[in-house]
Amino acid sequence: MPRPKKKRKVNNPPKMHGFKPFGIAFCDAEHILMQYEEYEAVKLVVYDNLPQDEAANNMAVSRPTLTRIYNSALQKIAQAFVEGRPILIKGGHFEFDNDWYKCKRCFKLISGAKNHLKCDGCPAYEMDELMNLNE
């Protein structure tokens, strides 16, 4: 029996649900699914310019595991770029440091329900307008 997988630590959820190529209708192309931990690995290694051992430490995984996650993400990004396919970011085996919510009306990210303030563009101010991203 294999050892159970540890949840990967993701600091912040992405601001968007994914990307779509310019000039191709979203419904015309089969999407590529990128998991939250793959997004986090690319963000830490490429965007934040961290060495892989430090990025692995941030995600609470070993360096070889981070390399596998990172290489998988790069493969998906390359495939989407070359084939003109959209990328959706969702799912995976992860956990956030904090409770994260997204407003269903304006899509604003909120760290913790207690930090929820009325959004400028939202007519209502209720907890049911928040989508829990930790589930």
Protein backbone atom coordinates (compact mmCIF):
# COMPACT_ATOMS: atom_id res chain seq x y z
CA MET A 1 0.00 0.00 0.00
CA PRO A 2 1.50 3.40 -0.98
CA ARG A 3 2.18 6.07 1.56
CA PRO A 4 -0.59 8.72 1.77
CA LYS A 5 0.14 11.96 -0.11
CA LYS A 6 0.89 15.05 1.97
CA LYS A 7 -1.13 18.12 1.10
CA ARG A 8 0.90 20.77 -0.66
CA LYS A 9 0.87 24.22 0.92
CA VAL A 10 -0.43 27.03 -1.29
CA ASN A 11 -0.08 30.55 0.13
CA ASN A 12 -2.65 32.45 -1.97
CA PRO A 13 -5.17 31.33 -4.56
CA PRO A 14 -4.70 32.69 -8.09
CA LYS A 15 -6.68 35.84 -8.95
CA MET A 16 -8.21 34.11 -11.97
CA HIS A 17 -9.70 30.74 -12.86
CA GLY A 18 -7.33 30.30 -15.80
CA PHE A 19 -6.26 31.68 -19.17
CA LYS A 20 -7.54 31.41 -22.69
CA PRO A 21 -5.67 32.03 -25.92
CA PHE A 22 -6.48 35.14 -27.90
CA GLY A 23 -8.44 34.46 -31.10
CA ILE A 24 -9.84 31.04 -30.14
CA ALA A 25 -13.30 30.62 -28.61
CA PHE A 26 -13.18 28.99 -25.18
CA CYS A 27 -15.82 26.43 -26.11
CA ASP A 28 -13.98 25.46 -29.35
CA ALA A 29 -10.90 24.08 -27.58
CA GLU A 30 -10.50 21.36 -24.99
CA HIS A 31 -9.04 22.93 -21.84
CA ILE A 32 -5.96 21.85 -19.91
CA LEU A 33 -6.41 21.41 -16.17
CA MET A 34 -3.64 22.87 -14.00
CA GLN A 35 -3.80 22.08 -10.30
CA TYR A 36 -3.35 24.70 -7.58
CA GLU A 37 -0.01 23.20 -6.50
CA GLU A 38 1.30 23.40 -10.08
CA TYR A 39 0.31 27.06 -10.24
CA GLU A 40 2.05 27.67 -6.88
CA ALA A 41 5.25 25.91 -8.02
CA VAL A 42 5.48 28.09 -11.16
CA LYS A 43 4.71 31.22 -9.15
CA LEU A 44 7.41 30.50 -6.57
CA VAL A 45 10.15 29.33 -8.96
CA VAL A 46 9.59 31.64 -11.94
CA TYR A 47 7.65 34.68 -10.72
CA ASP A 48 9.15 34.94 -7.20
CA ASN A 49 12.55 33.68 -8.50
CA LEU A 50 13.11 31.35 -5.53
CA PRO A 51 15.58 28.45 -5.68
CA GLN A 52 13.79 25.11 -5.89
CA ASP A 53 14.84 24.03 -2.39
CA GLU A 54 13.36 27.21 -0.89
CA ALA A 55 10.19 26.88 -2.98
CA ALA A 56 9.87 23.25 -1.85
CA ASN A 57 10.18 24.38 1.76
CA ASN A 58 7.41 26.98 1.23
CA MET A 59 5.11 24.27 -0.17
CA ALA A 60 6.05 21.75 2.58
CA VAL A 61 7.28 19.15 0.06
CA SER A 62 10.66 17.65 -0.80
CA ARG A 63 12.76 19.24 -3.54
CA PRO A 64 12.30 16.25 -5.92
CA THR A 65 8.53 16.47 -5.41
CA LEU A 66 8.59 20.19 -6.19
CA THR A 67 10.59 19.44 -9.36
CA ARG A 68 7.98 16.91 -10.50
CA ILE A 69 5.13 19.37 -9.81
CA TYR A 70 7.01 22.21 -11.55
CA ASN A 71 7.87 20.09 -14.62
CA SER A 72 4.25 18.97 -14.90
CA ALA A 73 3.11 22.61 -14.82
CA LEU A 74 5.66 23.63 -17.48
CA GLN A 75 4.52 20.76 -19.72
CA LYS A 76 0.90 21.91 -19.42
CA ILE A 77 1.79 25.56 -20.10
CA ALA A 78 3.81 24.57 -23.17
CA GLN A 79 1.02 22.32 -24.46
CA ALA A 80 -1.53 25.11 -24.03
CA PHE A 81 0.75 27.63 -25.73
CA VAL A 82 1.63 25.41 -28.72
CA GLU A 83 -1.85 23.92 -29.24
CA GLY A 84 -3.77 27.13 -28.46
CA ARG A 85 -5.75 25.55 -25.63
CA PRO A 86 -7.16 27.30 -22.54
CA ILE A 87 -5.85 26.52 -19.04
CA LEU A 88 -8.20 26.07 -16.07
CA ILE A 89 -6.69 26.27 -12.58
CA LYS A 90 -8.55 24.12 -10.07
CA GLY A 91 -8.31 21.04 -7.93
CA GLY A 92 -5.30 19.17 -6.65
CA HIS A 93 -4.06 17.95 -3.31
CA PHE A 94 -3.39 21.21 -1.45
CA GLU A 95 -4.26 23.38 1.50
CA PHE A 96 -4.15 27.15 1.99
CA ASP A 97 -2.42 28.83 4.95
CA ASN A 98 -5.57 30.90 5.59
CA ASP A 99 -9.25 30.61 4.79
CA TRP A 100 -9.77 32.19 1.37
CA TYR A 101 -13.03 33.41 -0.12
CA LYS A 102 -13.97 34.98 -3.44
CA CYS A 103 -16.88 37.36 -3.94
CA LYS A 104 -19.36 35.82 -6.39
CA ARG A 105 -20.26 39.25 -7.76
CA CYS A 106 -16.95 41.11 -8.22
CA PHE A 107 -14.50 38.14 -7.87
CA LYS A 108 -12.42 39.93 -5.22
CA LEU A 109 -10.19 37.61 -3.12
CA ILE A 110 -10.70 37.85 0.65
CA SER A 111 -8.41 36.30 3.27
CA GLY A 112 -10.74 35.14 6.05
CA ALA A 113 -14.45 35.84 6.37
CA LYS A 114 -13.81 38.30 9.21
CA ASN A 115 -11.94 40.53 6.72
CA HIS A 116 -14.96 40.75 4.43
CA LEU A 117 -15.92 44.34 3.72
CA LYS A 118 -18.60 45.52 1.33
CA CYS A 119 -17.14 45.60 -2.17
CA ASP A 120 -17.50 48.85 -4.13
CA GLY A 121 -19.35 47.19 -7.01
CA CYS A 122 -21.51 44.83 -4.95
CA PRO A 123 -25.05 45.92 -4.06
CA ALA A 124 -25.39 43.32 -1.28
CA TYR A 125 -23.24 42.66 1.75
CA GLU A 126 -23.94 39.10 2.85
CA MET A 127 -21.91 36.01 3.65
CA ASP A 128 -23.75 33.99 0.98
CA GLU A 129 -22.10 36.16 -1.69
CA LEU A 130 -18.74 34.57 -0.73
CA MET A 131 -17.45 31.36 -2.32
CA ASN A 132 -15.16 29.31 -0.02
CA LEU A 133 -11.98 28.40 -1.93
CA ASN A 134 -10.69 26.02 0.76
CA GLU A 135 -13.07 23.20 -0.12
